[in-house]
Amino acid sequence: MAGAVLVHGANHGPWSWERVVPLLEDQGIAAETPDMYADGDPTSPVPVQRAIDRLAGNGPVVVVGHSFGGLAISGLDGDGVADLVYLAAVVPDSEQWFEGTPTTPWFPDCVVIEDGQMRPKPERLRDLWYGDCTDDDVAWASANLRAHTIAPPPTIDRPAWKEVRSTYVICEKDGSATQTYQEAAAERLGRSVRWPTGHCPMISRPDLVVDLVASLAASGS
């Protein structure tokens, strides 16, 4: 039995994977969805590693990091991980490698930053993350979003993607991460797929996430 650890991005939570988990379980893949805000530092790989450890012995483990979740999965040591998936995610390295801004030009107008915390503007959620989601989906997500504390990104001397087979998912209708950044990150990782989705395909197209995780798990078994 394979396993998957699904790591949410900024402002989100385990709830964002609610449509993916049962579909994975239908395929015999056990899923863990750690809450990256529970310990106070959403960039820490510790809760991700705990989730990996809980799946130990079940077979290959695929770890998916969405958006900001790319920081946490990059801090893993790679033990027990068959594959990493960077879903429209940040790809850190030991030094700055991308020239320019990874977020879209309208990103600053879609969020409010006060007292060191970032919150999305409800009226701009479609522009930012949920462009291909239904109105009900946007309302559901909006009710579950929470503040994200702004902090300097961690230094990662040897990111896990240099040790573990990794795939970048380019979301072609993303309103948050630029296509330029995603293309550059995909080239850096060396493996990629392209989806015709917005920034959160786990909500709008959970089938794509499940198919990718299942195929990687099968190839790693």
N, C-alpha and C. Protein backbone atom coordinates (compact mmCIF):
# COMPACT_ATOMS: atom_id res chain seq x y z
N MET A 1 0.84 -1.20 0.00
CA MET A 1 0.00 0.00 0.00
C MET A 1 0.87 1.25 0.00
N ALA A 2 0.63 2.12 -0.93
CA ALA A 2 1.41 3.35 -1.02
C ALA A 2 0.84 4.41 -0.09
N GLY A 3 1.58 5.49 0.08
CA GLY A 3 1.13 6.58 0.93
C GLY A 3 1.39 7.92 0.27
N ALA A 4 0.65 8.93 0.69
CA ALA A 4 0.83 10.29 0.20
C ALA A 4 0.71 11.27 1.34
N VAL A 5 1.62 12.23 1.37
CA VAL A 5 1.55 13.33 2.33
C VAL A 5 1.26 14.59 1.53
N LEU A 6 0.16 15.27 1.87
CA LEU A 6 -0.32 16.42 1.11
C LEU A 6 -0.14 17.67 1.96
N VAL A 7 0.71 18.57 1.52
CA VAL A 7 1.11 19.74 2.30
C VAL A 7 0.47 21.00 1.71
N HIS A 8 -0.36 21.65 2.51
CA HIS A 8 -1.08 22.83 2.03
C HIS A 8 -0.18 24.06 1.94
N GLY A 9 -0.68 25.07 1.27
CA GLY A 9 0.06 26.31 1.11
C GLY A 9 -0.36 27.39 2.09
N ALA A 10 0.13 28.60 1.85
CA ALA A 10 -0.16 29.73 2.73
C ALA A 10 -1.65 30.01 2.79
N ASN A 11 -2.11 30.36 3.98
CA ASN A 11 -3.50 30.71 4.27
C ASN A 11 -4.47 29.52 4.22
N HIS A 12 -4.01 28.38 3.75
CA HIS A 12 -4.86 27.21 3.61
C HIS A 12 -4.69 26.25 4.78
N GLY A 13 -5.16 25.03 4.63
CA GLY A 13 -5.07 24.04 5.69
C GLY A 13 -5.36 22.66 5.15
N PRO A 14 -5.40 21.64 6.01
CA PRO A 14 -5.70 20.28 5.57
C PRO A 14 -7.02 20.18 4.81
N TRP A 15 -7.96 21.07 5.10
CA TRP A 15 -9.26 21.06 4.43
C TRP A 15 -9.14 21.17 2.92
N SER A 16 -8.07 21.81 2.45
CA SER A 16 -7.94 22.04 1.00
C SER A 16 -7.75 20.75 0.22
N TRP A 17 -7.44 19.66 0.92
CA TRP A 17 -7.24 18.36 0.26
C TRP A 17 -8.45 17.44 0.43
N GLU A 18 -9.56 17.94 0.92
CA GLU A 18 -10.71 17.10 1.24
C GLU A 18 -11.22 16.29 0.03
N ARG A 19 -11.09 16.83 -1.15
CA ARG A 19 -11.58 16.12 -2.32
C ARG A 19 -10.57 15.11 -2.87
N VAL A 20 -9.33 15.28 -2.49
CA VAL A 20 -8.27 14.39 -2.98
C VAL A 20 -8.18 13.12 -2.13
N VAL A 21 -8.26 13.28 -0.82
CA VAL A 21 -8.03 12.16 0.09
C VAL A 21 -8.91 10.94 -0.19
N PRO A 22 -10.24 11.08 -0.29
CA PRO A 22 -11.05 9.89 -0.54
C PRO A 22 -10.77 9.22 -1.87
N LEU A 23 -10.40 10.02 -2.87
CA LEU A 23 -10.07 9.44 -4.17
C LEU A 23 -8.77 8.65 -4.11
N LEU A 24 -7.82 9.12 -3.33
CA LEU A 24 -6.58 8.36 -3.13
C LEU A 24 -6.87 7.06 -2.38
N GLU A 25 -7.69 7.16 -1.35
CA GLU A 25 -8.01 5.97 -0.56
C GLU A 25 -8.73 4.93 -1.41
N ASP A 26 -9.54 5.39 -2.37
CA ASP A 26 -10.21 4.46 -3.28
C ASP A 26 -9.21 3.67 -4.11
N GLN A 27 -8.03 4.24 -4.29
CA GLN A 27 -6.98 3.57 -5.06
C GLN A 27 -5.98 2.86 -4.16
N GLY A 28 -6.30 2.76 -2.88
CA GLY A 28 -5.43 2.05 -1.95
C GLY A 28 -4.23 2.85 -1.50
N ILE A 29 -4.33 4.16 -1.57
CA ILE A 29 -3.23 5.04 -1.15
C ILE A 29 -3.63 5.77 0.13
N ALA A 30 -2.93 5.50 1.21
CA ALA A 30 -3.21 6.17 2.48
C ALA A 30 -2.70 7.60 2.42
N ALA A 31 -3.46 8.54 2.95
CA ALA A 31 -3.09 9.95 2.84
C ALA A 31 -3.00 10.61 4.21
N GLU A 32 -2.02 11.48 4.35
CA GLU A 32 -1.85 12.31 5.54
C GLU A 32 -1.86 13.78 5.09
N THR A 33 -2.53 14.63 5.87
CA THR A 33 -2.61 16.05 5.53
C THR A 33 -2.22 16.89 6.76
N PRO A 34 -0.95 17.06 7.01
CA PRO A 34 -0.53 17.80 8.21
C PRO A 34 -0.99 19.25 8.18
N ASP A 35 -1.28 19.76 9.37
CA ASP A 35 -1.62 21.17 9.52
C ASP A 35 -0.32 21.94 9.74
N MET A 36 0.09 22.70 8.74
CA MET A 36 1.39 23.36 8.80
C MET A 36 1.42 24.56 9.73
N TYR A 37 0.28 24.98 10.25
CA TYR A 37 0.25 26.09 11.20
C TYR A 37 0.19 25.60 12.65
N ALA A 38 0.03 24.32 12.86
CA ALA A 38 -0.18 23.80 14.21
C ALA A 38 1.01 24.05 15.13
N ASP A 39 2.22 23.99 14.59
CA ASP A 39 3.42 24.17 15.42
C ASP A 39 3.97 25.58 15.35
N GLY A 40 3.31 26.46 14.61
CA GLY A 40 3.73 27.86 14.58
C GLY A 40 4.65 28.25 13.44
N ASP A 41 5.29 27.29 12.78
CA ASP A 41 6.20 27.60 11.68
C ASP A 41 5.82 26.79 10.45
N PRO A 42 5.08 27.38 9.51
CA PRO A 42 4.62 26.62 8.35
C PRO A 42 5.70 26.23 7.37
N THR A 43 6.93 26.71 7.58
CA THR A 43 8.03 26.32 6.71
C THR A 43 8.78 25.10 7.24
N SER A 44 8.45 24.66 8.44
CA SER A 44 9.19 23.56 9.07
C SER A 44 8.84 22.22 8.44
N PRO A 45 9.84 21.38 8.14
CA PRO A 45 9.57 20.05 7.61
C PRO A 45 9.14 19.05 8.68
N VAL A 46 9.18 19.44 9.95
CA VAL A 46 8.92 18.50 11.05
C VAL A 46 7.54 17.85 10.95
N PRO A 47 6.45 18.62 10.80
CA PRO A 47 5.15 17.95 10.70
C PRO A 47 5.01 17.09 9.46
N VAL A 48 5.72 17.45 8.41
CA VAL A 48 5.70 16.62 7.19
C VAL A 48 6.41 15.30 7.45
N GLN A 49 7.56 15.38 8.13
CA GLN A 49 8.29 14.16 8.44
C GLN A 49 7.50 13.25 9.38
N ARG A 50 6.79 13.84 10.34
CA ARG A 50 5.95 13.02 11.22
C ARG A 50 4.89 12.27 10.42
N ALA A 51 4.31 12.95 9.44
CA ALA A 51 3.30 12.31 8.60
C ALA A 51 3.92 11.18 7.77
N ILE A 52 5.12 11.41 7.26
CA ILE A 52 5.83 10.36 6.51
C ILE A 52 6.08 9.16 7.40
N ASP A 53 6.51 9.42 8.62
CA ASP A 53 6.80 8.34 9.56
C ASP A 53 5.55 7.51 9.87
N ARG A 54 4.39 8.17 9.93
CA ARG A 54 3.16 7.43 10.20
C ARG A 54 2.79 6.49 9.05
N LEU A 55 3.29 6.79 7.87
CA LEU A 55 3.01 5.96 6.71
C LEU A 55 4.10 4.91 6.47
N ALA A 56 5.12 4.92 7.30
CA ALA A 56 6.26 4.00 7.12
C ALA A 56 5.78 2.56 7.06
N GLY A 57 6.33 1.82 6.12
CA GLY A 57 5.99 0.42 5.97
C GLY A 57 4.82 0.17 5.03
N ASN A 58 4.16 1.23 4.57
CA ASN A 58 3.02 1.08 3.67
C ASN A 58 3.42 1.02 2.20
N GLY A 59 4.71 1.25 1.92
CA GLY A 59 5.15 1.30 0.53
C GLY A 59 5.68 2.68 0.21
N PRO A 60 5.85 2.99 -1.07
CA PRO A 60 6.41 4.29 -1.46
C PRO A 60 5.52 5.44 -0.99
N VAL A 61 6.17 6.52 -0.55
CA VAL A 61 5.44 7.70 -0.09
C VAL A 61 5.72 8.85 -1.06
N VAL A 62 4.65 9.43 -1.56
CA VAL A 62 4.73 10.60 -2.42
C VAL A 62 4.35 11.82 -1.59
N VAL A 63 5.19 12.85 -1.62
CA VAL A 63 4.93 14.06 -0.85
C VAL A 63 4.62 15.20 -1.82
N VAL A 64 3.45 15.80 -1.63
CA VAL A 64 3.01 16.90 -2.49
C VAL A 64 3.03 18.19 -1.69
N GLY A 65 3.74 19.19 -2.19
CA GLY A 65 3.74 20.51 -1.57
C GLY A 65 3.08 21.51 -2.48
N HIS A 66 2.02 22.14 -1.99
CA HIS A 66 1.30 23.13 -2.79
C HIS A 66 1.78 24.54 -2.45
N SER A 67 2.14 25.31 -3.47
CA SER A 67 2.45 26.73 -3.31
C SER A 67 3.54 26.96 -2.26
N PHE A 68 3.21 27.67 -1.18
CA PHE A 68 4.15 27.93 -0.10
C PHE A 68 4.66 26.64 0.55
N GLY A 69 3.88 25.55 0.40
CA GLY A 69 4.29 24.26 0.96
C GLY A 69 5.56 23.71 0.37
N GLY A 70 6.01 24.28 -0.75
CA GLY A 70 7.28 23.87 -1.33
C GLY A 70 8.47 24.10 -0.42
N LEU A 71 8.35 25.08 0.48
CA LEU A 71 9.44 25.33 1.43
C LEU A 71 9.58 24.18 2.42
N ALA A 72 8.47 23.74 2.98
CA ALA A 72 8.53 22.69 3.99
C ALA A 72 9.01 21.37 3.41
N ILE A 73 8.53 21.00 2.22
CA ILE A 73 8.94 19.71 1.67
C ILE A 73 10.40 19.73 1.22
N SER A 74 10.93 20.92 0.94
CA SER A 74 12.33 21.01 0.53
C SER A 74 13.27 20.82 1.70
N GLY A 75 12.76 20.98 2.92
CA GLY A 75 13.60 20.80 4.10
C GLY A 75 13.69 19.38 4.59
N LEU A 76 12.99 18.45 3.92
CA LEU A 76 13.05 17.04 4.31
C LEU A 76 14.42 16.46 4.01
N ASP A 77 14.78 15.39 4.74
CA ASP A 77 16.06 14.73 4.44
C ASP A 77 15.91 13.67 3.36
N GLY A 78 14.69 13.39 2.97
CA GLY A 78 14.45 12.47 1.86
C GLY A 78 14.26 11.02 2.25
N ASP A 79 14.57 10.66 3.49
CA ASP A 79 14.40 9.27 3.91
C ASP A 79 12.92 8.88 3.88
N GLY A 80 12.66 7.78 3.24
CA GLY A 80 11.29 7.28 3.17
C GLY A 80 10.42 7.95 2.14
N VAL A 81 11.00 8.85 1.34
CA VAL A 81 10.23 9.57 0.32
C VAL A 81 10.62 9.05 -1.07
N ALA A 82 9.62 8.59 -1.82
CA ALA A 82 9.88 8.11 -3.18
C ALA A 82 9.87 9.25 -4.18
N ASP A 83 8.94 10.19 -3.99
CA ASP A 83 8.78 11.30 -4.92
C ASP A 83 8.35 12.56 -4.20
N LEU A 84 8.77 13.69 -4.74
CA LEU A 84 8.28 14.99 -4.32
C LEU A 84 7.52 15.61 -5.49
N VAL A 85 6.41 16.25 -5.18
CA VAL A 85 5.64 16.96 -6.20
C VAL A 85 5.51 18.41 -5.75
N TYR A 86 5.95 19.32 -6.60
CA TYR A 86 5.83 20.75 -6.35
C TYR A 86 4.66 21.27 -7.16
N LEU A 87 3.53 21.49 -6.48
CA LEU A 87 2.30 21.87 -7.14
C LEU A 87 2.18 23.40 -7.17
N ALA A 88 2.56 23.98 -8.34
CA ALA A 88 2.61 25.44 -8.45
C ALA A 88 3.33 26.03 -7.24
N ALA A 89 4.42 25.41 -6.86
CA ALA A 89 5.04 25.67 -5.56
C ALA A 89 6.35 26.44 -5.65
N VAL A 90 6.72 26.98 -4.52
CA VAL A 90 8.03 27.59 -4.34
C VAL A 90 9.09 26.50 -4.37
N VAL A 91 10.18 26.75 -5.10
CA VAL A 91 11.31 25.82 -5.16
C VAL A 91 12.54 26.54 -4.63
N PRO A 92 12.87 26.35 -3.34
CA PRO A 92 14.03 27.04 -2.77
C PRO A 92 15.33 26.32 -3.09
N ASP A 93 16.40 27.05 -2.97
CA ASP A 93 17.74 26.47 -3.12
C ASP A 93 18.63 27.13 -2.07
N SER A 94 19.89 26.73 -2.04
CA SER A 94 20.82 27.27 -1.05
C SER A 94 21.18 28.72 -1.35
N GLU A 95 20.85 29.18 -2.56
CA GLU A 95 21.11 30.57 -2.94
C GLU A 95 19.97 31.04 -3.86
N GLN A 96 19.87 32.35 -4.00
CA GLN A 96 18.85 32.91 -4.87
C GLN A 96 19.11 32.47 -6.31
N TRP A 97 18.12 31.91 -6.97
CA TRP A 97 18.34 31.43 -8.33
C TRP A 97 17.40 32.07 -9.35
N PHE A 98 16.31 32.69 -8.88
CA PHE A 98 15.34 33.27 -9.81
C PHE A 98 15.41 34.79 -9.78
N GLU A 99 15.61 35.37 -10.94
CA GLU A 99 15.66 36.82 -11.05
C GLU A 99 14.25 37.34 -11.33
N GLY A 100 13.76 38.17 -10.47
CA GLY A 100 12.43 38.71 -10.67
C GLY A 100 11.49 38.30 -9.55
N THR A 101 10.22 38.58 -9.74
CA THR A 101 9.20 38.29 -8.75
C THR A 101 8.40 37.07 -9.16
N PRO A 102 8.31 36.05 -8.30
CA PRO A 102 7.59 34.83 -8.68
C PRO A 102 6.08 34.98 -8.71
N THR A 103 5.56 36.03 -8.08
CA THR A 103 4.10 36.21 -8.04
C THR A 103 3.64 37.16 -9.14
N THR A 104 2.38 37.04 -9.50
CA THR A 104 1.79 37.83 -10.57
C THR A 104 1.73 39.32 -10.19
N PRO A 105 1.69 40.20 -11.21
CA PRO A 105 1.69 41.65 -10.91
C PRO A 105 0.52 42.10 -10.05
N TRP A 106 -0.62 41.40 -10.12
CA TRP A 106 -1.79 41.82 -9.35
C TRP A 106 -1.83 41.21 -7.95
N PHE A 107 -0.86 40.34 -7.63
CA PHE A 107 -0.85 39.69 -6.32
C PHE A 107 -0.93 40.70 -5.17
N PRO A 108 -0.10 41.77 -5.16
CA PRO A 108 -0.16 42.71 -4.03
C PRO A 108 -1.52 43.36 -3.84
N ASP A 109 -2.27 43.52 -4.93
CA ASP A 109 -3.59 44.13 -4.82
C ASP A 109 -4.66 43.16 -4.34
N CYS A 110 -4.31 41.88 -4.27
CA CYS A 110 -5.27 40.84 -3.88
C CYS A 110 -5.18 40.47 -2.41
N VAL A 111 -4.19 41.01 -1.71
CA VAL A 111 -3.98 40.65 -0.31
C VAL A 111 -3.88 41.90 0.55
N VAL A 112 -4.09 41.71 1.83
CA VAL A 112 -3.89 42.77 2.83
C VAL A 112 -2.83 42.29 3.81
N ILE A 113 -1.82 43.11 4.05
CA ILE A 113 -0.77 42.76 5.02
C ILE A 113 -0.82 43.77 6.15
N GLU A 114 -1.13 43.27 7.34
CA GLU A 114 -1.21 44.10 8.53
C GLU A 114 -0.58 43.35 9.70
N ASP A 115 0.24 44.07 10.47
CA ASP A 115 0.86 43.49 11.67
C ASP A 115 1.62 42.21 11.33
N GLY A 116 2.26 42.19 10.18
CA GLY A 116 3.07 41.05 9.80
C GLY A 116 2.30 39.84 9.33
N GLN A 117 0.98 40.00 9.10
CA GLN A 117 0.17 38.89 8.64
C GLN A 117 -0.49 39.21 7.30
N MET A 118 -0.58 38.19 6.46
CA MET A 118 -1.19 38.35 5.15
C MET A 118 -2.54 37.65 5.09
N ARG A 119 -3.53 38.36 4.59
CA ARG A 119 -4.86 37.79 4.35
C ARG A 119 -5.29 38.16 2.94
N PRO A 120 -5.92 37.25 2.22
CA PRO A 120 -6.42 37.59 0.89
C PRO A 120 -7.70 38.41 1.00
N LYS A 121 -7.91 39.29 0.04
CA LYS A 121 -9.16 40.03 -0.03
C LYS A 121 -10.24 39.10 -0.59
N PRO A 122 -11.36 38.95 0.11
CA PRO A 122 -12.41 38.02 -0.35
C PRO A 122 -12.86 38.28 -1.77
N GLU A 123 -12.93 39.54 -2.16
CA GLU A 123 -13.42 39.87 -3.49
C GLU A 123 -12.39 39.59 -4.60
N ARG A 124 -11.17 39.24 -4.20
CA ARG A 124 -10.11 38.97 -5.20
C ARG A 124 -9.67 37.51 -5.21
N LEU A 125 -10.41 36.65 -4.53
CA LEU A 125 -9.99 35.25 -4.43
C LEU A 125 -9.93 34.56 -5.79
N ARG A 126 -10.87 34.89 -6.67
CA ARG A 126 -10.84 34.28 -8.00
C ARG A 126 -9.60 34.73 -8.77
N ASP A 127 -9.27 36.00 -8.68
CA ASP A 127 -8.10 36.53 -9.38
C ASP A 127 -6.82 35.86 -8.90
N LEU A 128 -6.81 35.49 -7.63
CA LEU A 128 -5.59 35.00 -7.00
C LEU A 128 -5.44 33.48 -7.09
N TRP A 129 -6.44 32.75 -6.60
CA TRP A 129 -6.27 31.31 -6.42
C TRP A 129 -7.33 30.42 -7.07
N TYR A 130 -8.55 30.94 -7.21
CA TYR A 130 -9.67 30.06 -7.53
C TYR A 130 -10.38 30.41 -8.85
N GLY A 131 -9.61 30.80 -9.84
CA GLY A 131 -10.18 31.24 -11.10
C GLY A 131 -11.01 30.20 -11.82
N ASP A 132 -10.72 28.92 -11.60
CA ASP A 132 -11.46 27.86 -12.28
C ASP A 132 -12.37 27.08 -11.33
N CYS A 133 -12.66 27.67 -10.18
CA CYS A 133 -13.53 27.03 -9.19
C CYS A 133 -14.96 27.58 -9.29
N THR A 134 -15.90 26.80 -8.80
CA THR A 134 -17.30 27.25 -8.78
C THR A 134 -17.50 28.30 -7.69
N ASP A 135 -18.62 28.99 -7.75
CA ASP A 135 -18.94 29.98 -6.71
C ASP A 135 -19.02 29.32 -5.33
N ASP A 136 -19.60 28.13 -5.29
CA ASP A 136 -19.69 27.41 -4.02
C ASP A 136 -18.31 27.04 -3.49
N ASP A 137 -17.41 26.66 -4.39
CA ASP A 137 -16.04 26.33 -3.99
C ASP A 137 -15.36 27.55 -3.39
N VAL A 138 -15.53 28.69 -4.04
CA VAL A 138 -14.88 29.91 -3.56
C VAL A 138 -15.43 30.30 -2.19
N ALA A 139 -16.72 30.17 -2.01
CA ALA A 139 -17.32 30.49 -0.71
C ALA A 139 -16.82 29.55 0.37
N TRP A 140 -16.73 28.27 0.04
CA TRP A 140 -16.23 27.27 1.00
C TRP A 140 -14.79 27.57 1.39
N ALA A 141 -13.95 27.83 0.40
CA ALA A 141 -12.55 28.13 0.69
C ALA A 141 -12.42 29.40 1.51
N SER A 142 -13.17 30.43 1.13
CA SER A 142 -13.09 31.70 1.83
C SER A 142 -13.41 31.55 3.31
N ALA A 143 -14.36 30.68 3.63
CA ALA A 143 -14.76 30.47 5.02
C ALA A 143 -13.70 29.75 5.82
N ASN A 144 -12.75 29.09 5.14
CA ASN A 144 -11.74 28.29 5.84
C ASN A 144 -10.34 28.91 5.85
N LEU A 145 -10.13 29.94 5.06
CA LEU A 145 -8.81 30.57 4.99
C LEU A 145 -8.44 31.24 6.31
N ARG A 146 -7.14 31.33 6.59
CA ARG A 146 -6.68 31.97 7.82
C ARG A 146 -5.47 32.84 7.52
N ALA A 147 -5.08 33.63 8.48
CA ALA A 147 -3.96 34.56 8.30
C ALA A 147 -2.65 33.78 8.16
N HIS A 148 -1.76 34.36 7.36
CA HIS A 148 -0.42 33.78 7.18
C HIS A 148 0.60 34.79 7.66
N THR A 149 1.46 34.38 8.59
CA THR A 149 2.49 35.27 9.14
C THR A 149 3.65 35.40 8.16
N ILE A 150 3.99 36.63 7.85
CA ILE A 150 5.10 36.91 6.94
C ILE A 150 6.41 36.78 7.71
N ALA A 151 7.34 35.99 7.17
CA ALA A 151 8.65 35.81 7.81
C ALA A 151 9.68 35.52 6.73
N PRO A 152 10.96 35.79 6.99
CA PRO A 152 11.99 35.47 6.01
C PRO A 152 12.00 33.97 5.72
N PRO A 153 12.18 33.58 4.46
CA PRO A 153 12.22 32.15 4.15
C PRO A 153 13.43 31.49 4.79
N PRO A 154 13.33 30.20 5.13
CA PRO A 154 14.45 29.52 5.75
C PRO A 154 15.59 29.29 4.76
N THR A 155 16.79 29.13 5.29
CA THR A 155 17.93 28.76 4.46
C THR A 155 18.01 27.24 4.38
N ILE A 156 18.05 26.72 3.18
CA ILE A 156 18.10 25.28 2.98
C ILE A 156 19.36 24.95 2.19
N ASP A 157 20.36 24.42 2.89
CA ASP A 157 21.66 24.18 2.25
C ASP A 157 21.60 23.11 1.17
N ARG A 158 20.81 22.07 1.42
CA ARG A 158 20.71 20.97 0.46
C ARG A 158 19.25 20.59 0.32
N PRO A 159 18.49 21.28 -0.52
CA PRO A 159 17.06 21.00 -0.63
C PRO A 159 16.79 19.57 -1.09
N ALA A 160 15.69 19.02 -0.60
CA ALA A 160 15.37 17.61 -0.84
C ALA A 160 15.20 17.28 -2.31
N TRP A 161 14.80 18.27 -3.12
CA TRP A 161 14.59 17.97 -4.53
C TRP A 161 15.89 17.62 -5.26
N LYS A 162 17.03 17.90 -4.63
CA LYS A 162 18.30 17.50 -5.22
C LYS A 162 18.64 16.04 -4.91
N GLU A 163 17.91 15.45 -3.97
CA GLU A 163 18.18 14.08 -3.55
C GLU A 163 17.06 13.10 -3.96
N VAL A 164 15.86 13.62 -4.14
CA VAL A 164 14.68 12.79 -4.38
C VAL A 164 14.09 13.14 -5.75
N ARG A 165 13.62 12.13 -6.46
CA ARG A 165 12.96 12.38 -7.74
C ARG A 165 11.82 13.36 -7.53
N SER A 166 11.80 14.41 -8.33
CA SER A 166 10.83 15.49 -8.11
C SER A 166 10.17 15.91 -9.41
N THR A 167 8.91 16.27 -9.29
CA THR A 167 8.11 16.70 -10.44
C THR A 167 7.48 18.05 -10.14
N TYR A 168 7.55 18.96 -11.10
CA TYR A 168 6.89 20.25 -10.94
C TYR A 168 5.60 20.27 -11.74
N VAL A 169 4.52 20.74 -11.12
CA VAL A 169 3.23 20.88 -11.80
C VAL A 169 3.03 22.34 -12.15
N ILE A 170 3.01 22.62 -13.45
CA ILE A 170 2.75 23.97 -13.95
C ILE A 170 1.24 24.14 -14.12
N CYS A 171 0.67 25.10 -13.43
CA CYS A 171 -0.76 25.40 -13.55
C CYS A 171 -0.91 26.58 -14.51
N GLU A 172 -1.44 26.30 -15.68
CA GLU A 172 -1.39 27.25 -16.78
C GLU A 172 -2.31 28.46 -16.60
N LYS A 173 -3.30 28.37 -15.72
CA LYS A 173 -4.21 29.49 -15.49
C LYS A 173 -4.05 30.06 -14.09
N ASP A 174 -2.84 29.92 -13.56
CA ASP A 174 -2.54 30.35 -12.19
C ASP A 174 -2.61 31.86 -12.08
N GLY A 175 -3.30 32.35 -11.04
CA GLY A 175 -3.36 33.78 -10.79
C GLY A 175 -2.41 34.23 -9.71
N SER A 176 -1.60 33.32 -9.19
CA SER A 176 -0.71 33.64 -8.07
C SER A 176 0.77 33.55 -8.48
N ALA A 177 1.18 32.40 -8.98
CA ALA A 177 2.57 32.21 -9.42
C ALA A 177 2.66 32.46 -10.93
N THR A 178 3.65 33.22 -11.34
CA THR A 178 3.78 33.54 -12.76
C THR A 178 4.16 32.30 -13.57
N GLN A 179 3.80 32.31 -14.83
CA GLN A 179 4.20 31.23 -15.72
C GLN A 179 5.71 31.21 -15.87
N THR A 180 6.33 32.38 -15.87
CA THR A 180 7.79 32.44 -15.99
C THR A 180 8.46 31.72 -14.83
N TYR A 181 7.97 31.97 -13.63
CA TYR A 181 8.55 31.29 -12.46
C TYR A 181 8.31 29.80 -12.53
N GLN A 182 7.11 29.40 -12.83
CA GLN A 182 6.80 27.98 -12.87
C GLN A 182 7.62 27.25 -13.93
N GLU A 183 7.78 27.87 -15.09
CA GLU A 183 8.60 27.25 -16.15
C GLU A 183 10.05 27.11 -15.69
N ALA A 184 10.57 28.14 -15.04
CA ALA A 184 11.96 28.10 -14.57
C ALA A 184 12.12 27.04 -13.48
N ALA A 185 11.15 26.95 -12.58
CA ALA A 185 11.22 25.95 -11.51
C ALA A 185 11.14 24.54 -12.09
N ALA A 186 10.28 24.36 -13.09
CA ALA A 186 10.15 23.05 -13.72
C ALA A 186 11.46 22.64 -14.39
N GLU A 187 12.11 23.59 -15.03
CA GLU A 187 13.40 23.30 -15.67
C GLU A 187 14.45 22.94 -14.62
N ARG A 188 14.37 23.60 -13.48
CA ARG A 188 15.35 23.34 -12.40
C ARG A 188 15.19 21.92 -11.86
N LEU A 189 13.94 21.48 -11.73
CA LEU A 189 13.69 20.14 -11.20
C LEU A 189 13.94 19.06 -12.26
N GLY A 190 13.73 19.40 -13.52
CA GLY A 190 14.02 18.45 -14.59
C GLY A 190 12.85 17.59 -15.02
N ARG A 191 11.77 17.58 -14.24
CA ARG A 191 10.58 16.80 -14.58
C ARG A 191 9.36 17.68 -14.34
N SER A 192 8.39 17.63 -15.25
CA SER A 192 7.23 18.48 -15.06
C SER A 192 6.03 17.94 -15.81
N VAL A 193 4.85 18.42 -15.39
CA VAL A 193 3.60 18.20 -16.11
C VAL A 193 2.89 19.55 -16.16
N ARG A 194 1.97 19.67 -17.11
CA ARG A 194 1.22 20.92 -17.27
C ARG A 194 -0.26 20.62 -17.13
N TRP A 195 -0.94 21.44 -16.34
CA TRP A 195 -2.38 21.28 -16.16
C TRP A 195 -3.08 22.59 -16.53
N PRO A 196 -4.24 22.51 -17.18
CA PRO A 196 -4.99 23.71 -17.57
C PRO A 196 -5.86 24.22 -16.42
N THR A 197 -5.24 24.50 -15.29
CA THR A 197 -5.98 24.83 -14.07
C THR A 197 -5.49 26.14 -13.46
N GLY A 198 -6.27 26.62 -12.49
CA GLY A 198 -5.83 27.72 -11.65
C GLY A 198 -4.86 27.22 -10.60
N HIS A 199 -4.66 28.03 -9.57
CA HIS A 199 -3.63 27.75 -8.58
C HIS A 199 -3.96 26.58 -7.66
N CYS A 200 -5.23 26.20 -7.57
CA CYS A 200 -5.62 25.17 -6.61
C CYS A 200 -6.35 24.00 -7.28
N PRO A 201 -5.64 23.20 -8.06
CA PRO A 201 -6.30 22.07 -8.73
C PRO A 201 -6.79 21.00 -7.77
N MET A 202 -6.30 20.98 -6.54
CA MET A 202 -6.83 20.01 -5.58
C MET A 202 -8.28 20.29 -5.26
N ILE A 203 -8.74 21.52 -5.54
CA ILE A 203 -10.15 21.87 -5.36
C ILE A 203 -10.91 21.76 -6.68
N SER A 204 -10.34 22.32 -7.74
CA SER A 204 -11.05 22.35 -9.02
C SER A 204 -10.92 21.06 -9.83
N ARG A 205 -9.77 20.38 -9.72
CA ARG A 205 -9.53 19.15 -10.48
C ARG A 205 -8.79 18.12 -9.63
N PRO A 206 -9.42 17.63 -8.57
CA PRO A 206 -8.75 16.65 -7.70
C PRO A 206 -8.34 15.39 -8.45
N ASP A 207 -9.03 15.07 -9.54
CA ASP A 207 -8.69 13.88 -10.31
C ASP A 207 -7.28 13.96 -10.87
N LEU A 208 -6.85 15.16 -11.27
CA LEU A 208 -5.50 15.32 -11.80
C LEU A 208 -4.45 15.04 -10.72
N VAL A 209 -4.70 15.54 -9.52
CA VAL A 209 -3.77 15.30 -8.41
C VAL A 209 -3.69 13.81 -8.11
N VAL A 210 -4.83 13.16 -8.05
CA VAL A 210 -4.88 11.74 -7.72
C VAL A 210 -4.17 10.91 -8.78
N ASP A 211 -4.43 11.21 -10.04
CA ASP A 211 -3.80 10.44 -11.12
C ASP A 211 -2.28 10.57 -11.08
N LEU A 212 -1.78 11.76 -10.81
CA LEU A 212 -0.33 11.97 -10.75
C LEU A 212 0.27 11.23 -9.56
N VAL A 213 -0.33 11.37 -8.40
CA VAL A 213 0.19 10.69 -7.20
C VAL A 213 0.17 9.17 -7.40
N ALA A 214 -0.91 8.66 -7.96
CA ALA A 214 -1.04 7.21 -8.16
C ALA A 214 0.00 6.71 -9.15
N SER A 215 0.25 7.46 -10.20
CA SER A 215 1.23 7.00 -11.20
C SER A 215 2.65 7.04 -10.62
N LEU A 216 2.95 8.04 -9.82
CA LEU A 216 4.27 8.11 -9.20
C LEU A 216 4.44 7.00 -8.17
N ALA A 217 3.40 6.76 -7.38
CA ALA A 217 3.46 5.68 -6.39
C ALA A 217 3.68 4.33 -7.07
N ALA A 218 3.00 4.12 -8.18
CA ALA A 218 3.14 2.84 -8.89
C ALA A 218 4.53 2.68 -9.47
N SER A 219 5.11 3.77 -9.97
CA SER A 219 6.45 3.68 -10.56
C SER A 219 7.53 3.56 -9.51
N GLY A 220 7.19 3.94 -8.25
CA GLY A 220 8.17 3.86 -7.18
C GLY A 220 8.06 2.61 -6.34
N SER A 221 7.08 1.76 -6.67
CA SER A 221 6.87 0.55 -5.86
C SER A 221 7.82 -0.56 -6.27
